């Protein structure tokens, strides 16, 4: 298919019948707009016109043959001119990600760049240049190269970070006019700007702040916008805020002005830009909102109050647990894409036309029908702005029919409880259940937790939990300290020397479920992934009789030894999260919460299933030695087995293995409760 950058393209992945991995495809937006993904023919042949309207770009099943039998892609980005696809695939034999560039006009691989250990990519020069970040042998991102596509010249080294504590990252602004380089270490964070039209022209410093601050720079019509949670005027802040500064300033003379006045009613979680709009992803008392603001902003003599802009909130379903911006590749489009997550709804990929308020669900699994909903079309579009204005509903745009979202509230219910932890702090607890099968003090339950890195707990609808809900199980999510959603203080109160707070929060939520008779006593199970595995395992050590069973997926179980003698590469964020054992105060705190170091002797432990992989970030030996010690120290009971399940493959990228492992975990939980 000829590439014509004047026409809008739609990129998507689909899985062919009987194949393990998806296929990356594209089509023109106007070609067969009402194409339905679950109707034949799946390859996009239009019988009306007699033409194939789909171009197959990359078959990941063929990529699997190149890379040891399976395809694990970390990065993928189409060039601004739609000519090339840059992507990285995991090479199992060499334990690194390899960079490849494919010419989409001819389907062939470009001769260069082809690099190993690539952790980040960004296009420049309208697709003629590709910048990429390379890691050292300890997997520390430390070099940035620039490769001219089609040139026989060697790739140019733009920057090398010599410090062992220094890390580099690169991204392009949404308008593709600049590339931003972020250099951060244990002592500082710095951001530099590169002209995307001439990536070899050098870097201009634009921002510097303390270490571990989150910083993202965007450009819009002569202004730089900075979204950050760095200290303000030397004072630590609890949430992100938005700054702006004229583009033509030196670092010494650059003055960043705060855009919005501090408003305790709304918390800005994320932002996204287009040519005409700024969209704020916000929280209002832990309720998510989507708020578009027209650009350019009015001239500012002082900070703006959000209410002064008469904001219109875009329609959302009930019980939203997270909103993630899409790639929104077309900077000049009025349509912006977001992924909406909820405990009662399969993830919905939604296009919002900011100019008129129309929205459409682009893709969403429909559990009430056979497969997915409309892939690209207009059947879910609706406009609610005018009705909201006519009803005077306080600038809130509400959808008229929640069934449009494929909301499962007809079958399941969601409640949020406020649980008081051991020190009086209120911890949010989300509970999902089937009203038809709920019986007081008679339901088994599963309590999820994570509480690390300031990340929002994943409360998305998961199809594998449906079999538990339909059997009367209660699925609960504990938003313990150390996680996200409550600001920087909420995160800091559950890390390093205060990590024990996360564990006590989880225990308090477990006891709440039992004491309020939401879950039957001795029928509560725990579930934790990665750092969440540490949380659940530590809670078991503190109260072995609290849980009947637990599933620990690729858990972090031996922080003392891993942090003290890191065989696997660790980042400053890991030490900042769990503590540095070289510091005596941190060391004592780690020993206090470490699951491996606090296994109780001669105590009956709950049934535990530990799953891990040889490709996990935390060593597989952690899971093996933990299981061995629990078996050795605890009281043996065949009804309380301690099981270990190991795999050599990457489960997340293999849909068959993922289904198999989910089925194993579900069967384990059901069996333990029935026994």
Foldseek 3Di string as FASTA:
>chain_A
DDQDLVFDKDWDWDCDPPDFAIWIKMFTCVPPQQDFCPDPPNQQQDPVVRHRGMQTQGDQCVVCVVAPNHWDWDDWDAFQSNQKIWTWTARLVVRWTWIWIAGRVVNHTFPDDIDTQWDAWEAFQRRQKIKTWHADPLSAGFWIWIDGGPDPDDIHTQGGDPDPFKHWYWYAALVRQWIWIWIAGQFKIWIWIAGRNCRNPHTATADMAGGPKDWDWHDADQKIKIWIQGADPNHGDFAIFIWMWGPPDHNVGTDIATAADDDPQKGFPDWDAAHFWIWTFIAGPLRTWIWIATPDDPDDPHHDHPVVRVIATAADAPAWQDKAWDSPNHRHAQWTWIWTFHLQFFIFIKIANNVQRWMAGQWGFQPVDDGIGHNGHPPLIDHFQVVCVVVVVSSYGYDPDNVSRSGRCVFKDKDWDFFQFPVRDTWIKIKMAGPVQFDFQAAFEEEEEAQAPQARDDSGHDPLCVVRRVVTYMYMYIRQALYHDRTPVSNLCCFQLNVVRRLRSSVRVLVVCPVRRRYHQLRYEYEYEANRLLSVLLNCLVPQRSYQEYEYEQYDAACLCCLAPPPRNDHPRVCRGQHHCVDVSRVVSCCNSRSQNRHAAAAAGHAYEYEHECSDRHHPVSLVSSLVVNVVGYDDDPLRHHYYHYDHDDQVSGVVSVVVVSVVVVVVSVSSSVD
